[in-house]
Amino acid sequence: MAEPKRVLLKSKSLPLSLRLRIWAGKMIYGGKSSPGNGLGGGGQVFFLPFQRVVKLRCHPNELEAMEFIPSNTTVPIPKVFEVYE
């Protein structure tokens, strides 16, 4: 599996293109989001158009696991396209 694209943010705000996609997802899906899993990660998941999701405030260990699992097991997991640091 190819490594996800890593984008180093120059400011604390997300790129305009991603903010617009989150806004469009809120309009299409009625603002549905998941407040996190209660395990201390504090992430928030937003549904986007075209069967995509964005997770904000993801713990680094979760990303490492999502990179490790497909290359070492046959367990299906979502594909990571981009990581904003």
PDB file of N, CA and C in Angstrom:
ATOM      1  N   MET A   1       0.847  -1.177   0.000  1.00  0.00           N
ATOM      2  CA  MET A   1       0.000   0.000   0.000  1.00  0.00           C
ATOM      3  C   MET A   1       0.891   1.239   0.000  1.00  0.00           C
ATOM      4  N   ALA A   2       0.527   2.210  -0.777  1.00  0.00           N
ATOM      5  CA  ALA A   2       1.292   3.445  -0.867  1.00  0.00           C
ATOM      6  C   ALA A   2       1.116   4.275   0.398  1.00  0.00           C
ATOM      7  N   GLU A   3       2.173   4.962   0.763  1.00  0.00           N
ATOM      8  CA  GLU A   3       2.115   5.855   1.927  1.00  0.00           C
ATOM      9  C   GLU A   3       1.132   6.986   1.659  1.00  0.00           C
ATOM     10  N   PRO A   4       0.396   7.417   2.690  1.00  0.00           N
ATOM     11  CA  PRO A   4      -0.492   8.572   2.489  1.00  0.00           C
ATOM     12  C   PRO A   4       0.322   9.845   2.266  1.00  0.00           C
ATOM     13  N   LYS A   5      -0.258  10.751   1.523  1.00  0.00           N
ATOM     14  CA  LYS A   5       0.384  12.035   1.278  1.00  0.00           C
ATOM     15  C   LYS A   5       0.426  12.814   2.584  1.00  0.00           C
ATOM     16  N   ARG A   6       1.589  13.316   2.954  1.00  0.00           N
ATOM     17  CA  ARG A   6       1.733  14.093   4.190  1.00  0.00           C
ATOM     18  C   ARG A   6       1.854  15.569   3.841  1.00  0.00           C
ATOM     19  N   VAL A   7       1.000  16.363   4.463  1.00  0.00           N
ATOM     20  CA  VAL A   7       0.948  17.797   4.199  1.00  0.00           C
ATOM     21  C   VAL A   7       1.284  18.531   5.493  1.00  0.00           C
ATOM     22  N   LEU A   8       2.356  19.290   5.494  1.00  0.00           N
ATOM     23  CA  LEU A   8       2.736  20.074   6.658  1.00  0.00           C
ATOM     24  C   LEU A   8       2.010  21.407   6.591  1.00  0.00           C
ATOM     25  N   LEU A   9       1.163  21.655   7.594  1.00  0.00           N
ATOM     26  CA  LEU A   9       0.381  22.886   7.609  1.00  0.00           C
ATOM     27  C   LEU A   9       1.242  24.055   8.077  1.00  0.00           C
ATOM     28  N   LYS A  10       1.091  25.186   7.403  1.00  0.00           N
ATOM     29  CA  LYS A  10       1.836  26.389   7.769  1.00  0.00           C
ATOM     30  C   LYS A  10       1.086  27.211   8.807  1.00  0.00           C
ATOM     31  N   SER A  11      -0.200  26.907   9.010  1.00  0.00           N
ATOM     32  CA  SER A  11      -0.993  27.603  10.023  1.00  0.00           C
ATOM     33  C   SER A  11      -1.825  26.553  10.755  1.00  0.00           C
ATOM     34  N   LYS A  12      -2.581  26.990  11.742  1.00  0.00           N
ATOM     35  CA  LYS A  12      -3.402  26.056  12.518  1.00  0.00           C
ATOM     36  C   LYS A  12      -4.724  25.732  11.847  1.00  0.00           C
ATOM     37  N   SER A  13      -5.036  26.402  10.744  1.00  0.00           N
ATOM     38  CA  SER A  13      -6.307  26.126  10.066  1.00  0.00           C
ATOM     39  C   SER A  13      -6.086  25.153   8.908  1.00  0.00           C
ATOM     40  N   LEU A  14      -7.123  24.392   8.613  1.00  0.00           N
ATOM     41  CA  LEU A  14      -7.075  23.441   7.504  1.00  0.00           C
ATOM     42  C   LEU A  14      -7.098  24.192   6.180  1.00  0.00           C
ATOM     43  N   PRO A  15      -6.600  23.570   5.110  1.00  0.00           N
ATOM     44  CA  PRO A  15      -6.670  24.203   3.796  1.00  0.00           C
ATOM     45  C   PRO A  15      -8.120  24.511   3.400  1.00  0.00           C
ATOM     46  N   LEU A  16      -8.293  25.578   2.644  1.00  0.00           N
ATOM     47  CA  LEU A  16      -9.626  26.002   2.228  1.00  0.00           C
ATOM     48  C   LEU A  16     -10.367  24.884   1.501  1.00  0.00           C
ATOM     49  N   SER A  17      -9.681  24.144   0.647  1.00  0.00           N
ATOM     50  CA  SER A  17     -10.348  23.072  -0.106  1.00  0.00           C
ATOM     51  C   SER A  17     -10.934  22.019   0.838  1.00  0.00           C
ATOM     52  N   LEU A  18     -10.220  21.676   1.909  1.00  0.00           N
ATOM     53  CA  LEU A  18     -10.731  20.693   2.859  1.00  0.00           C
ATOM     54  C   LEU A  18     -11.867  21.279   3.692  1.00  0.00           C
ATOM     55  N   ARG A  19     -11.751  22.540   4.093  1.00  0.00           N
ATOM     56  CA  ARG A  19     -12.841  23.180   4.838  1.00  0.00           C
ATOM     57  C   ARG A  19     -14.112  23.229   4.001  1.00  0.00           C
ATOM     58  N   LEU A  20     -13.984  23.473   2.689  1.00  0.00           N
ATOM     59  CA  LEU A  20     -15.158  23.485   1.806  1.00  0.00           C
ATOM     60  C   LEU A  20     -15.775  22.098   1.689  1.00  0.00           C
ATOM     61  N   ARG A  21     -14.935  21.068   1.632  1.00  0.00           N
ATOM     62  CA  ARG A  21     -15.464  19.706   1.551  1.00  0.00           C
ATOM     63  C   ARG A  21     -16.198  19.328   2.836  1.00  0.00           C
ATOM     64  N   ILE A  22     -15.675  19.753   3.989  1.00  0.00           N
ATOM     65  CA  ILE A  22     -16.367  19.495   5.252  1.00  0.00           C
ATOM     66  C   ILE A  22     -17.705  20.218   5.271  1.00  0.00           C
ATOM     67  N   TRP A  23     -17.705  21.470   4.827  1.00  0.00           N
ATOM     68  CA  TRP A  23     -18.951  22.242   4.767  1.00  0.00           C
ATOM     69  C   TRP A  23     -19.960  21.554   3.853  1.00  0.00           C
ATOM     70  N   ALA A  24     -19.516  21.104   2.665  1.00  0.00           N
ATOM     71  CA  ALA A  24     -20.419  20.424   1.723  1.00  0.00           C
ATOM     72  C   ALA A  24     -20.959  19.138   2.347  1.00  0.00           C
ATOM     73  N   GLY A  25     -20.108  18.409   3.058  1.00  0.00           N
ATOM     74  CA  GLY A  25     -20.570  17.193   3.723  1.00  0.00           C
ATOM     75  C   GLY A  25     -21.628  17.480   4.767  1.00  0.00           C
ATOM     76  N   LYS A  26     -21.451  18.581   5.512  1.00  0.00           N
ATOM     77  CA  LYS A  26     -22.462  18.956   6.509  1.00  0.00           C
ATOM     78  C   LYS A  26     -23.782  19.304   5.833  1.00  0.00           C
ATOM     79  N   MET A  27     -23.727  19.972   4.677  1.00  0.00           N
ATOM     80  CA  MET A  27     -24.945  20.334   3.954  1.00  0.00           C
ATOM     81  C   MET A  27     -25.639  19.088   3.395  1.00  0.00           C
ATOM     82  N   ILE A  28     -24.872  18.186   2.825  1.00  0.00           N
ATOM     83  CA  ILE A  28     -25.432  16.988   2.203  1.00  0.00           C
ATOM     84  C   ILE A  28     -25.962  16.013   3.249  1.00  0.00           C
ATOM     85  N   TYR A  29     -25.193  15.793   4.302  1.00  0.00           N
ATOM     86  CA  TYR A  29     -25.547  14.786   5.299  1.00  0.00           C
ATOM     87  C   TYR A  29     -26.171  15.383   6.548  1.00  0.00           C
ATOM     88  N   GLY A  30     -26.583  16.625   6.500  1.00  0.00           N
ATOM     89  CA  GLY A  30     -27.294  17.245   7.610  1.00  0.00           C
ATOM     90  C   GLY A  30     -26.463  17.462   8.852  1.00  0.00           C
ATOM     91  N   GLY A  31     -25.164  17.682   8.674  1.00  0.00           N
ATOM     92  CA  GLY A  31     -24.307  17.964   9.819  1.00  0.00           C
ATOM     93  C   GLY A  31     -23.959  16.746  10.639  1.00  0.00           C
ATOM     94  N   LYS A  32     -24.179  15.548  10.082  1.00  0.00           N
ATOM     95  CA  LYS A  32     -23.866  14.334  10.822  1.00  0.00           C
ATOM     96  C   LYS A  32     -22.360  14.236  11.043  1.00  0.00           C
ATOM     97  N   SER A  33     -21.987  13.969  12.262  1.00  0.00           N
ATOM     98  CA  SER A  33     -20.589  13.728  12.590  1.00  0.00           C
ATOM     99  C   SER A  33     -20.540  12.786  13.768  1.00  0.00           C
ATOM    100  N   SER A  34     -19.401  12.237  14.011  1.00  0.00           N
ATOM    101  CA  SER A  34     -19.203  11.357  15.152  1.00  0.00           C
ATOM    102  C   SER A  34     -18.288  12.072  16.130  1.00  0.00           C
ATOM    103  N   PRO A  35     -18.685  12.202  17.408  1.00  0.00           N
ATOM    104  CA  PRO A  35     -17.886  12.965  18.368  1.00  0.00           C
ATOM    105  C   PRO A  35     -16.648  12.253  18.870  1.00  0.00           C
ATOM    106  N   GLY A  36     -16.310  11.120  18.354  1.00  0.00           N
ATOM    107  CA  GLY A  36     -15.140  10.377  18.831  1.00  0.00           C
ATOM    108  C   GLY A  36     -15.580   9.083  19.489  1.00  0.00           C
ATOM    109  N   ASN A  37     -14.596   8.294  19.898  1.00  0.00           N
ATOM    110  CA  ASN A  37     -14.909   6.979  20.429  1.00  0.00           C
ATOM    111  C   ASN A  37     -14.881   6.913  21.946  1.00  0.00           C
ATOM    112  N   GLY A  38     -14.620   8.021  22.631  1.00  0.00           N
ATOM    113  CA  GLY A  38     -14.595   8.021  24.082  1.00  0.00           C
ATOM    114  C   GLY A  38     -13.337   7.414  24.670  1.00  0.00           C
ATOM    115  N   LEU A  39     -12.336   7.120  23.838  1.00  0.00           N
ATOM    116  CA  LEU A  39     -11.109   6.506  24.331  1.00  0.00           C
ATOM    117  C   LEU A  39      -9.992   7.524  24.525  1.00  0.00           C
ATOM    118  N   GLY A  40     -10.323   8.794  24.529  1.00  0.00           N
ATOM    119  CA  GLY A  40      -9.324   9.810  24.793  1.00  0.00           C
ATOM    120  C   GLY A  40      -8.671  10.390  23.562  1.00  0.00           C
ATOM    121  N   GLY A  41      -8.991   9.871  22.372  1.00  0.00           N
ATOM    122  CA  GLY A  41      -8.391  10.399  21.154  1.00  0.00           C
ATOM    123  C   GLY A  41      -8.910  11.775  20.812  1.00  0.00           C
ATOM    124  N   GLY A  42     -10.160  12.048  21.158  1.00  0.00           N
ATOM    125  CA  GLY A  42     -10.736  13.357  20.915  1.00  0.00           C
ATOM    126  C   GLY A  42     -10.975  13.659  19.461  1.00  0.00           C
ATOM    127  N   GLY A  43     -10.886  12.647  18.593  1.00  0.00           N
ATOM    128  CA  GLY A  43     -11.089  12.873  17.169  1.00  0.00           C
ATOM    129  C   GLY A  43     -12.540  13.139  16.849  1.00  0.00           C
ATOM    130  N   GLN A  44     -12.765  13.759  15.722  1.00  0.00           N
ATOM    131  CA  GLN A  44     -14.122  14.028  15.269  1.00  0.00           C
ATOM    132  C   GLN A  44     -14.187  13.653  13.796  1.00  0.00           C
ATOM    133  N   VAL A  45     -15.182  12.856  13.426  1.00  0.00           N
ATOM    134  CA  VAL A  45     -15.310  12.343  12.068  1.00  0.00           C
ATOM    135  C   VAL A  45     -16.447  13.061  11.365  1.00  0.00           C
ATOM    136  N   PHE A  46     -16.181  13.541  10.134  1.00  0.00           N
ATOM    137  CA  PHE A  46     -17.190  14.187   9.314  1.00  0.00           C
ATOM    138  C   PHE A  46     -17.327  13.418   8.014  1.00  0.00           C
ATOM    139  N   PHE A  47     -18.562  13.196   7.597  1.00  0.00           N
ATOM    140  CA  PHE A  47     -18.836  12.524   6.334  1.00  0.00           C
ATOM    141  C   PHE A  47     -18.724  13.540   5.204  1.00  0.00           C
ATOM    142  N   LEU A  48     -18.040  13.162   4.130  1.00  0.00           N
ATOM    143  CA  LEU A  48     -17.845  14.019   2.964  1.00  0.00           C
ATOM    144  C   LEU A  48     -18.507  13.384   1.757  1.00  0.00           C
ATOM    145  N   PRO A  49     -18.692  14.169   0.689  1.00  0.00           N
ATOM    146  CA  PRO A  49     -19.205  13.584  -0.552  1.00  0.00           C
ATOM    147  C   PRO A  49     -18.233  12.528  -1.107  1.00  0.00           C
ATOM    148  N   PHE A  50     -18.718  11.698  -1.998  1.00  0.00           N
ATOM    149  CA  PHE A  50     -17.940  10.690  -2.720  1.00  0.00           C
ATOM    150  C   PHE A  50     -17.385   9.611  -1.789  1.00  0.00           C
ATOM    151  N   GLN A  51     -18.167   9.206  -0.794  1.00  0.00           N
ATOM    152  CA  GLN A  51     -17.820   8.118   0.127  1.00  0.00           C
ATOM    153  C   GLN A  51     -16.485   8.348   0.824  1.00  0.00           C
ATOM    154  N   ARG A  52     -16.255   9.560   1.241  1.00  0.00           N
ATOM    155  CA  ARG A  52     -15.029   9.906   1.971  1.00  0.00           C
ATOM    156  C   ARG A  52     -15.414  10.426   3.346  1.00  0.00           C
ATOM    157  N   VAL A  53     -14.486  10.337   4.264  1.00  0.00           N
ATOM    158  CA  VAL A  53     -14.651  10.928   5.590  1.00  0.00           C
ATOM    159  C   VAL A  53     -13.359  11.641   5.954  1.00  0.00           C
ATOM    160  N   VAL A  54     -13.470  12.580   6.876  1.00  0.00           N
ATOM    161  CA  VAL A  54     -12.283  13.240   7.410  1.00  0.00           C
ATOM    162  C   VAL A  54     -12.349  13.107   8.922  1.00  0.00           C
ATOM    163  N   LYS A  55     -11.218  12.776   9.527  1.00  0.00           N
ATOM    164  CA  LYS A  55     -11.149  12.670  10.979  1.00  0.00           C
ATOM    165  C   LYS A  55     -10.171  13.720  11.472  1.00  0.00           C
ATOM    166  N   LEU A  56     -10.667  14.584  12.340  1.00  0.00           N
ATOM    167  CA  LEU A  56      -9.836  15.638  12.908  1.00  0.00           C
ATOM    168  C   LEU A  56      -9.306  15.192  14.264  1.00  0.00           C
ATOM    169  N   ARG A  57      -8.150  15.691  14.609  1.00  0.00           N
ATOM    170  CA  ARG A  57      -7.499  15.398  15.894  1.00  0.00           C
ATOM    171  C   ARG A  57      -7.328  13.893  16.113  1.00  0.00           C
ATOM    172  N   CYS A  58      -6.748  13.234  15.140  1.00  0.00           N
ATOM    173  CA  CYS A  58      -6.491  11.798  15.199  1.00  0.00           C
ATOM    174  C   CYS A  58      -5.190  11.566  15.980  1.00  0.00           C
ATOM    175  N   HIS A  59      -5.185  10.588  16.852  1.00  0.00           N
ATOM    176  CA  HIS A  59      -3.991  10.271  17.626  1.00  0.00           C
ATOM    177  C   HIS A  59      -2.941   9.654  16.700  1.00  0.00           C
ATOM    178  N   PRO A  60      -1.666  10.019  16.854  1.00  0.00           N
ATOM    179  CA  PRO A  60      -0.612   9.462  15.981  1.00  0.00           C
ATOM    180  C   PRO A  60      -0.546   7.942  15.998  1.00  0.00           C
ATOM    181  N   ASN A  61      -0.855   7.312  17.138  1.00  0.00           N
ATOM    182  CA  ASN A  61      -0.839   5.845  17.196  1.00  0.00           C
ATOM    183  C   ASN A  61      -1.889   5.229  16.286  1.00  0.00           C
ATOM    184  N   GLU A  62      -3.028   5.893  16.152  1.00  0.00           N
ATOM    185  CA  GLU A  62      -4.075   5.384  15.268  1.00  0.00           C
ATOM    186  C   GLU A  62      -3.598   5.395  13.817  1.00  0.00           C
ATOM    187  N   LEU A  63      -2.929   6.457  13.430  1.00  0.00           N
ATOM    188  CA  LEU A  63      -2.396   6.537  12.068  1.00  0.00           C
ATOM    189  C   LEU A  63      -1.349   5.454  11.831  1.00  0.00           C
ATOM    190  N   GLU A  64      -0.462   5.245  12.798  1.00  0.00           N
ATOM    191  CA  GLU A  64       0.554   4.196  12.666  1.00  0.00           C
ATOM    192  C   GLU A  64      -0.103   2.829  12.492  1.00  0.00           C
ATOM    193  N   ALA A  65      -1.165   2.576  13.246  1.00  0.00           N
ATOM    194  CA  ALA A  65      -1.869   1.299  13.132  1.00  0.00           C
ATOM    195  C   ALA A  65      -2.515   1.160  11.757  1.00  0.00           C
ATOM    196  N   MET A  66      -3.094   2.267  11.241  1.00  0.00           N
ATOM    197  CA  MET A  66      -3.747   2.210   9.931  1.00  0.00           C
ATOM    198  C   MET A  66      -2.735   2.052   8.797  1.00  0.00           C
ATOM    199  N   GLU A  67      -1.487   2.387   9.031  1.00  0.00           N
ATOM    200  CA  GLU A  67      -0.432   2.148   8.045  1.00  0.00           C
ATOM    201  C   GLU A  67       0.125   0.728   8.176  1.00  0.00           C
ATOM    202  N   PHE A  68       0.162   0.198   9.397  1.00  0.00           N
ATOM    203  CA  PHE A  68       0.716  -1.121   9.658  1.00  0.00           C
ATOM    204  C   PHE A  68      -0.220  -2.246   9.213  1.00  0.00           C
ATOM    205  N   ILE A  69      -1.505  -2.124   9.534  1.00  0.00           N
ATOM    206  CA  ILE A  69      -2.459  -3.221   9.331  1.00  0.00           C
ATOM    207  C   ILE A  69      -2.529  -3.704   7.886  1.00  0.00           C
ATOM    208  N   PRO A  70      -2.721  -2.824   6.875  1.00  0.00           N
ATOM    209  CA  PRO A  70      -2.862  -3.370   5.511  1.00  0.00           C
ATOM    210  C   PRO A  70      -1.594  -4.022   4.963  1.00  0.00           C
ATOM    211  N   SER A  71      -0.432  -3.598   5.438  1.00  0.00           N
ATOM    212  CA  SER A  71       0.796  -4.184   4.911  1.00  0.00           C
ATOM    213  C   SER A  71       1.187  -5.468   5.641  1.00  0.00           C
ATOM    214  N   ASN A  72       0.535  -5.785   6.761  1.00  0.00           N
ATOM    215  CA  ASN A  72       0.913  -6.957   7.539  1.00  0.00           C
ATOM    216  C   ASN A  72      -0.227  -7.933   7.822  1.00  0.00           C
ATOM    217  N   THR A  73      -1.455  -7.579   7.449  1.00  0.00           N
ATOM    218  CA  THR A  73      -2.601  -8.463   7.677  1.00  0.00           C
ATOM    219  C   THR A  73      -3.546  -8.374   6.483  1.00  0.00           C
ATOM    220  N   THR A  74      -4.623  -9.142   6.557  1.00  0.00           N
ATOM    221  CA  THR A  74      -5.659  -9.069   5.521  1.00  0.00           C
ATOM    222  C   THR A  74      -6.924  -8.401   6.058  1.00  0.00           C
ATOM    223  N   VAL A  75      -6.820  -7.764   7.217  1.00  0.00           N
ATOM    224  CA  VAL A  75      -7.966  -7.088   7.823  1.00  0.00           C
ATOM    225  C   VAL A  75      -8.301  -5.842   7.002  1.00  0.00           C
ATOM    226  N   PRO A  76      -9.546  -5.713   6.524  1.00  0.00           N
ATOM    227  CA  PRO A  76      -9.901  -4.528   5.736  1.00  0.00           C
ATOM    228  C   PRO A  76     -10.091  -3.300   6.645  1.00  0.00           C
ATOM    229  N   ILE A  77      -9.471  -2.198   6.268  1.00  0.00           N
ATOM    230  CA  ILE A  77      -9.629  -0.935   6.996  1.00  0.00           C
ATOM    231  C   ILE A  77      -9.733   0.188   5.969  1.00  0.00           C
ATOM    232  N   PRO A  78     -10.230   1.355   6.373  1.00  0.00           N
ATOM    233  CA  PRO A  78     -10.296   2.483   5.434  1.00  0.00           C
ATOM    234  C   PRO A  78      -8.906   2.908   4.976  1.00  0.00           C
ATOM    235  N   LYS A  79      -8.821   3.388   3.754  1.00  0.00           N
ATOM    236  CA  LYS A  79      -7.552   3.851   3.199  1.00  0.00           C
ATOM    237  C   LYS A  79      -7.303   5.300   3.632  1.00  0.00           C
ATOM    238  N   VAL A  80      -6.082   5.585   4.038  1.00  0.00           N
ATOM    239  CA  VAL A  80      -5.681   6.940   4.411  1.00  0.00           C
ATOM    240  C   VAL A  80      -5.100   7.605   3.161  1.00  0.00           C
ATOM    241  N   PHE A  81      -5.706   8.730   2.730  1.00  0.00           N
ATOM    242  CA  PHE A  81      -5.239   9.426   1.543  1.00  0.00           C
ATOM    243  C   PHE A  81      -4.250  10.534   1.874  1.00  0.00           C
ATOM    244  N   GLU A  82      -4.581  11.337   2.882  1.00  0.00           N
ATOM    245  CA  GLU A  82      -3.743  12.472   3.235  1.00  0.00           C
ATOM    246  C   GLU A  82      -3.678  12.631   4.746  1.00  0.00           C
ATOM    247  N   VAL A  83      -2.539  13.106   5.220  1.00  0.00           N
ATOM    248  CA  VAL A  83      -2.356  13.392   6.637  1.00  0.00           C
ATOM    249  C   VAL A  83      -1.878  14.842   6.724  1.00  0.00           C
ATOM    250  N   TYR A  84      -2.604  15.638   7.488  1.00  0.00           N
ATOM    251  CA  TYR A  84      -2.227  17.037   7.690  1.00  0.00           C
ATOM    252  C   TYR A  84      -1.566  17.165   9.058  1.00  0.00           C
ATOM    253  N   GLU A  85      -0.338  17.634   9.051  1.00  0.00           N
ATOM    254  CA  GLU A  85       0.412  17.762  10.309  1.00  0.00           C
ATOM    255  C   GLU A  85       0.609  19.216  10.639  1.00  0.00           C
TER     256      GLU A  85
END
